[in-house]
């Protein structure tokens, strides 16, 4: 029995020892420290067909706050249809508002609310969809922190939903 346990232990050690080499996750995957940056996401708004997007922004730091500095939405032609610098912070669907996000807090910005508050037109023509959304963030302490986890979900007719991770396109003070 002891020999079987030993062989099983060796098998497990060899198997899991090879996982990183085979593309498995390691503790250093997706860990980036920076003092700020810009993240880009997709999105869509078409109220006629109940097509909406929500952007979920999570501060994954244990001890450091981040500040959501700005949000811009561009139509498919590249024209800005919303800029928080001129129209103010986008409304949030969570108790946490767009601005300072403490450790482990999450902000959700929903395109429905942007339309309801008349910040974005509700029925963008096909030629103006899909959209690109840029979200700027910064470390409140100015020290390097973990980059926020941001993804977007598209909801369509019949409660069809899919989510995609957003992409960091700029980092400030990367470590």
C-alpha atoms as a PDB file:
ATOM      1  CA  UNK A   1       0.000   0.000   0.000  1.00  0.00           C
ATOM      2  CA  UNK A   2       2.827   2.388   0.869  1.00  0.00           C
ATOM      3  CA  UNK A   3       4.435   1.790  -2.549  1.00  0.00           C
ATOM      4  CA  UNK A   4       1.165   2.700  -4.300  1.00  0.00           C
ATOM      5  CA  UNK A   5       0.940   5.925  -2.303  1.00  0.00           C
ATOM      6  CA  UNK A   6       4.543   6.770  -3.177  1.00  0.00           C
ATOM      7  CA  UNK A   7       3.972   6.091  -6.896  1.00  0.00           C
ATOM      8  CA  UNK A   8       0.765   8.120  -6.853  1.00  0.00           C
ATOM      9  CA  UNK A   9       2.621  10.976  -5.114  1.00  0.00           C
ATOM     10  CA  UNK A  10       5.375  10.917  -7.752  1.00  0.00           C
ATOM     11  CA  UNK A  11       2.778  10.827 -10.552  1.00  0.00           C
ATOM     12  CA  UNK A  12       0.915  13.825  -9.097  1.00  0.00           C
ATOM     13  CA  UNK A  13       4.170  15.770  -8.580  1.00  0.00           C
ATOM     14  CA  UNK A  14       5.291  15.101 -12.152  1.00  0.00           C
ATOM     15  CA  UNK A  15       1.866  15.933 -13.577  1.00  0.00           C
ATOM     16  CA  UNK A  16       1.542  19.221 -11.716  1.00  0.00           C
ATOM     17  CA  UNK A  17       5.188  20.055 -12.277  1.00  0.00           C
ATOM     18  CA  UNK A  18       4.491  20.018 -16.010  1.00  0.00           C
ATOM     19  CA  UNK A  19       1.277  22.063 -15.900  1.00  0.00           C
ATOM     20  CA  UNK A  20       3.024  25.466 -16.254  1.00  0.00           C
ATOM     21  CA  UNK A  21       5.022  24.157 -19.206  1.00  0.00           C
ATOM     22  CA  UNK A  22       1.777  23.026 -20.839  1.00  0.00           C
ATOM     23  CA  UNK A  23       0.214  26.476 -20.494  1.00  0.00           C
ATOM     24  CA  UNK A  24      -1.401  26.085 -17.079  1.00  0.00           C
ATOM     25  CA  UNK A  25      -1.786  29.024 -14.734  1.00  0.00           C
ATOM     26  CA  UNK A  26       0.974  30.027 -12.387  1.00  0.00           C
ATOM     27  CA  UNK A  27       0.878  32.503  -9.532  1.00  0.00           C
ATOM     28  CA  UNK A  28       2.551  35.158 -11.690  1.00  0.00           C
ATOM     29  CA  UNK A  29      -0.009  35.075 -14.540  1.00  0.00           C
ATOM     30  CA  UNK A  30      -1.641  38.464 -15.214  1.00  0.00           C
ATOM     31  CA  UNK A  31       0.006  40.207 -12.244  1.00  0.00           C
ATOM     32  CA  UNK A  32       0.999  43.742 -13.187  1.00  0.00           C
ATOM     33  CA  UNK A  33       1.800  46.616 -10.866  1.00  0.00           C
ATOM     34  CA  UNK A  34       1.448  50.210 -12.037  1.00  0.00           C
ATOM     35  CA  UNK A  35       0.574  53.702 -10.789  1.00  0.00           C
ATOM     36  CA  UNK A  36      -2.130  54.149 -13.411  1.00  0.00           C
ATOM     37  CA  UNK A  37      -3.240  53.329 -16.899  1.00  0.00           C
ATOM     38  CA  UNK A  38      -5.929  53.041 -19.537  1.00  0.00           C
ATOM     39  CA  UNK A  39      -8.081  50.006 -20.237  1.00  0.00           C
ATOM     40  CA  UNK A  40     -10.103  49.565 -23.425  1.00  0.00           C
ATOM     41  CA  UNK A  41     -13.337  47.565 -23.757  1.00  0.00           C
ATOM     42  CA  UNK A  42     -15.992  46.871 -26.348  1.00  0.00           C
ATOM     43  CA  UNK A  43     -19.647  47.697 -26.022  1.00  0.00           C
ATOM     44  CA  UNK A  44     -22.958  48.337 -27.698  1.00  0.00           C
ATOM     45  CA  UNK A  45     -26.150  50.332 -27.187  1.00  0.00           C
ATOM     46  CA  UNK A  46     -29.242  49.710 -29.262  1.00  0.00           C
ATOM     47  CA  UNK A  47     -32.411  50.213 -27.232  1.00  0.00           C
ATOM     48  CA  UNK A  48     -34.755  49.165 -30.072  1.00  0.00           C
ATOM     49  CA  UNK A  49     -33.492  45.590 -29.820  1.00  0.00           C
ATOM     50  CA  UNK A  50     -32.678  45.579 -26.090  1.00  0.00           C
ATOM     51  CA  UNK A  51     -28.926  45.394 -26.688  1.00  0.00           C
ATOM     52  CA  UNK A  52     -26.993  46.844 -23.765  1.00  0.00           C
ATOM     53  CA  UNK A  53     -23.560  46.664 -22.212  1.00  0.00           C
ATOM     54  CA  UNK A  54     -22.360  46.828 -18.660  1.00  0.00           C
ATOM     55  CA  UNK A  55     -18.772  47.522 -17.709  1.00  0.00           C
ATOM     56  CA  UNK A  56     -17.609  45.972 -14.425  1.00  0.00           C
ATOM     57  CA  UNK A  57     -14.553  47.523 -12.764  1.00  0.00           C
ATOM     58  CA  UNK A  58     -13.061  45.769  -9.713  1.00  0.00           C
ATOM     59  CA  UNK A  59     -10.227  46.919  -7.475  1.00  0.00           C
ATOM     60  CA  UNK A  60      -8.408  43.658  -6.688  1.00  0.00           C
ATOM     61  CA  UNK A  61      -5.913  45.227  -4.266  1.00  0.00           C
ATOM     62  CA  UNK A  62      -5.852  44.204  -0.610  1.00  0.00           C
ATOM     63  CA  UNK A  63      -4.775  47.559   0.855  1.00  0.00           C
ATOM     64  CA  UNK A  64      -4.731  50.227  -1.860  1.00  0.00           C
ATOM     65  CA  UNK A  65      -7.493  52.344  -3.348  1.00  0.00           C
ATOM     66  CA  UNK A  66      -7.637  53.265  -7.019  1.00  0.00           C
ATOM     67  CA  UNK A  67      -9.331  56.237  -8.637  1.00  0.00           C
ATOM     68  CA  UNK A  68     -11.332  55.950 -11.837  1.00  0.00           C
ATOM     69  CA  UNK A  69     -10.191  59.132 -13.535  1.00  0.00           C
ATOM     70  CA  UNK A  70     -12.199  59.107 -16.740  1.00  0.00           C
ATOM     71  CA  UNK A  71     -14.371  57.204 -19.188  1.00  0.00           C
ATOM     72  CA  UNK A  72     -14.766  57.838 -22.908  1.00  0.00           C
ATOM     73  CA  UNK A  73     -17.081  56.062 -25.345  1.00  0.00           C
ATOM     74  CA  UNK A  74     -16.392  56.162 -29.087  1.00  0.00           C
ATOM     75  CA  UNK A  75     -18.749  55.023 -31.830  1.00  0.00           C
ATOM     76  CA  UNK A  76     -17.562  52.765 -34.669  1.00  0.00           C
ATOM     77  CA  UNK A  77     -16.437  55.836 -36.642  1.00  0.00           C
ATOM     78  CA  UNK A  78     -14.146  56.904 -33.798  1.00  0.00           C
ATOM     79  CA  UNK A  79     -16.258  59.887 -32.727  1.00  0.00           C
ATOM     80  CA  UNK A  80     -16.562  60.439 -28.967  1.00  0.00           C
ATOM     81  CA  UNK A  81     -20.211  60.029 -27.915  1.00  0.00           C
ATOM     82  CA  UNK A  82     -19.476  60.332 -24.179  1.00  0.00           C
ATOM     83  CA  UNK A  83     -16.577  61.818 -22.202  1.00  0.00           C
ATOM     84  CA  UNK A  84     -16.736  61.999 -18.416  1.00  0.00           C
ATOM     85  CA  UNK A  85     -14.481  65.079 -18.467  1.00  0.00           C
ATOM     86  CA  UNK A  86     -17.254  67.101 -20.106  1.00  0.00           C
ATOM     87  CA  UNK A  87     -20.411  65.221 -19.024  1.00  0.00           C
ATOM     88  CA  UNK A  88     -19.399  64.177 -15.511  1.00  0.00           C
ATOM     89  CA  UNK A  89     -18.888  60.747 -13.990  1.00  0.00           C
ATOM     90  CA  UNK A  90     -21.058  58.015 -15.494  1.00  0.00           C
ATOM     91  CA  UNK A  91     -23.862  56.733 -13.242  1.00  0.00           C
ATOM     92  CA  UNK A  92     -23.167  53.491 -11.398  1.00  0.00           C
ATOM     93  CA  UNK A  93     -25.492  50.555 -10.765  1.00  0.00           C
ATOM     94  CA  UNK A  94     -23.687  49.728  -7.495  1.00  0.00           C
ATOM     95  CA  UNK A  95     -23.376  51.421  -4.115  1.00  0.00           C
ATOM     96  CA  UNK A  96     -19.783  52.227  -5.102  1.00  0.00           C
ATOM     97  CA  UNK A  97     -19.722  55.189  -7.473  1.00  0.00           C
ATOM     98  CA  UNK A  98     -17.346  55.983 -10.344  1.00  0.00           C
ATOM     99  CA  UNK A  99     -14.407  57.701  -8.625  1.00  0.00           C
ATOM    100  CA  UNK A 100     -12.399  56.306  -5.701  1.00  0.00           C
ATOM    101  CA  UNK A 101     -12.721  52.532  -5.455  1.00  0.00           C
ATOM    102  CA  UNK A 102     -11.476  51.035  -2.210  1.00  0.00           C
ATOM    103  CA  UNK A 103      -9.849  47.569  -1.976  1.00  0.00           C
ATOM    104  CA  UNK A 104     -12.131  44.732  -3.140  1.00  0.00           C
ATOM    105  CA  UNK A 105     -14.884  47.108  -4.246  1.00  0.00           C
ATOM    106  CA  UNK A 106     -16.599  46.960  -7.632  1.00  0.00           C
ATOM    107  CA  UNK A 107     -18.271  49.596  -9.791  1.00  0.00           C
ATOM    108  CA  UNK A 108     -20.744  48.706 -12.547  1.00  0.00           C
ATOM    109  CA  UNK A 109     -21.550  51.199 -15.301  1.00  0.00           C
ATOM    110  CA  UNK A 110     -24.519  50.133 -17.419  1.00  0.00           C
ATOM    111  CA  UNK A 111     -25.281  51.598 -20.834  1.00  0.00           C
ATOM    112  CA  UNK A 112     -29.006  51.703 -19.912  1.00  0.00           C
ATOM    113  CA  UNK A 113     -28.250  54.325 -17.284  1.00  0.00           C
ATOM    114  CA  UNK A 114     -26.202  56.385 -19.750  1.00  0.00           C
ATOM    115  CA  UNK A 115     -29.223  56.429 -22.081  1.00  0.00           C
ATOM    116  CA  UNK A 116     -31.756  57.090 -19.272  1.00  0.00           C
ATOM    117  CA  UNK A 117     -29.690  60.032 -18.017  1.00  0.00           C
ATOM    118  CA  UNK A 118     -29.498  61.324 -21.620  1.00  0.00           C
ATOM    119  CA  UNK A 119     -25.703  61.114 -21.638  1.00  0.00           C
ATOM    120  CA  UNK A 120     -25.633  58.847 -24.721  1.00  0.00           C
ATOM    121  CA  UNK A 121     -28.109  58.457 -27.583  1.00  0.00           C
ATOM    122  CA  UNK A 122     -30.104  55.231 -27.233  1.00  0.00           C
ATOM    123  CA  UNK A 123     -30.362  54.060 -30.813  1.00  0.00           C
ATOM    124  CA  UNK A 124     -26.995  54.325 -32.471  1.00  0.00           C
ATOM    125  CA  UNK A 125     -27.365  53.386 -36.159  1.00  0.00           C
ATOM    126  CA  UNK A 126     -25.649  50.202 -37.375  1.00  0.00           C
ATOM    127  CA  UNK A 127     -22.851  52.264 -38.932  1.00  0.00           C
ATOM    128  CA  UNK A 128     -22.024  53.700 -35.490  1.00  0.00           C
ATOM    129  CA  UNK A 129     -21.921  50.389 -33.605  1.00  0.00           C
ATOM    130  CA  UNK A 130     -20.112  48.648 -31.929  1.00  0.00           C
ATOM    131  CA  UNK A 131     -18.350  51.042 -29.587  1.00  0.00           C
ATOM    132  CA  UNK A 132     -14.953  51.332 -27.948  1.00  0.00           C
ATOM    133  CA  UNK A 133     -14.796  52.374 -24.298  1.00  0.00           C
ATOM    134  CA  UNK A 134     -11.657  53.707 -22.601  1.00  0.00           C
ATOM    135  CA  UNK A 135     -11.372  53.814 -18.808  1.00  0.00           C
ATOM    136  CA  UNK A 136      -8.505  55.710 -17.159  1.00  0.00           C
ATOM    137  CA  UNK A 137      -7.458  54.820 -13.605  1.00  0.00           C
ATOM    138  CA  UNK A 138      -4.745  55.842 -11.125  1.00  0.00           C
ATOM    139  CA  UNK A 139      -3.354  54.691  -7.799  1.00  0.00           C
ATOM    140  CA  UNK A 140      -4.657  56.955  -5.025  1.00  0.00           C
ATOM    141  CA  UNK A 141      -1.402  56.550  -3.044  1.00  0.00           C
ATOM    142  CA  UNK A 142       0.728  57.098  -6.187  1.00  0.00           C
ATOM    143  CA  UNK A 143       2.502  53.815  -5.330  1.00  0.00           C
ATOM    144  CA  UNK A 144       2.340  50.925  -7.820  1.00  0.00           C
ATOM    145  CA  UNK A 145      -0.765  48.765  -7.291  1.00  0.00           C
ATOM    146  CA  UNK A 146      -2.351  45.786  -9.023  1.00  0.00           C
ATOM    147  CA  UNK A 147      -4.135  46.805 -12.205  1.00  0.00           C
ATOM    148  CA  UNK A 148      -7.937  46.733 -11.884  1.00  0.00           C
ATOM    149  CA  UNK A 149      -9.895  43.794 -13.267  1.00  0.00           C
ATOM    150  CA  UNK A 150     -12.288  45.150 -15.912  1.00  0.00           C
ATOM    151  CA  UNK A 151     -14.643  43.263 -18.186  1.00  0.00           C
ATOM    152  CA  UNK A 152     -17.756  44.000 -20.183  1.00  0.00           C
ATOM    153  CA  UNK A 153     -20.958  42.030 -20.633  1.00  0.00           C
ATOM    154  CA  UNK A 154     -23.323  42.413 -23.535  1.00  0.00           C
ATOM    155  CA  UNK A 155     -26.985  41.632 -23.000  1.00  0.00           C
ATOM    156  CA  UNK A 156     -29.215  41.062 -25.985  1.00  0.00           C
ATOM    157  CA  UNK A 157     -32.717  39.883 -26.793  1.00  0.00           C
ATOM    158  CA  UNK A 158     -33.935  36.945 -24.734  1.00  0.00           C
ATOM    159  CA  UNK A 159     -31.424  37.676 -21.951  1.00  0.00           C
ATOM    160  CA  UNK A 160     -28.563  36.468 -24.165  1.00  0.00           C
ATOM    161  CA  UNK A 161     -25.339  37.507 -22.443  1.00  0.00           C
ATOM    162  CA  UNK A 162     -21.644  37.163 -23.039  1.00  0.00           C
ATOM    163  CA  UNK A 163     -18.663  38.643 -21.201  1.00  0.00           C
ATOM    164  CA  UNK A 164     -15.193  39.578 -22.363  1.00  0.00           C
ATOM    165  CA  UNK A 165     -12.139  40.820 -20.503  1.00  0.00           C
ATOM    166  CA  UNK A 166     -10.988  44.310 -21.384  1.00  0.00           C
ATOM    167  CA  UNK A 167      -7.442  45.092 -22.458  1.00  0.00           C
ATOM    168  CA  UNK A 168      -4.844  47.390 -20.896  1.00  0.00           C
ATOM    169  CA  UNK A 169      -3.446  49.704 -23.569  1.00  0.00           C
ATOM    170  CA  UNK A 170      -1.381  52.061 -21.400  1.00  0.00           C
ATOM    171  CA  UNK A 171       0.408  51.760 -18.051  1.00  0.00           C
ATOM    172  CA  UNK A 172       2.031  54.516 -16.005  1.00  0.00           C
ATOM    173  CA  UNK A 173       4.936  53.600 -13.742  1.00  0.00           C
ATOM    174  CA  UNK A 174       4.771  49.872 -14.534  1.00  0.00           C
ATOM    175  CA  UNK A 175       6.738  47.653 -12.214  1.00  0.00           C
END
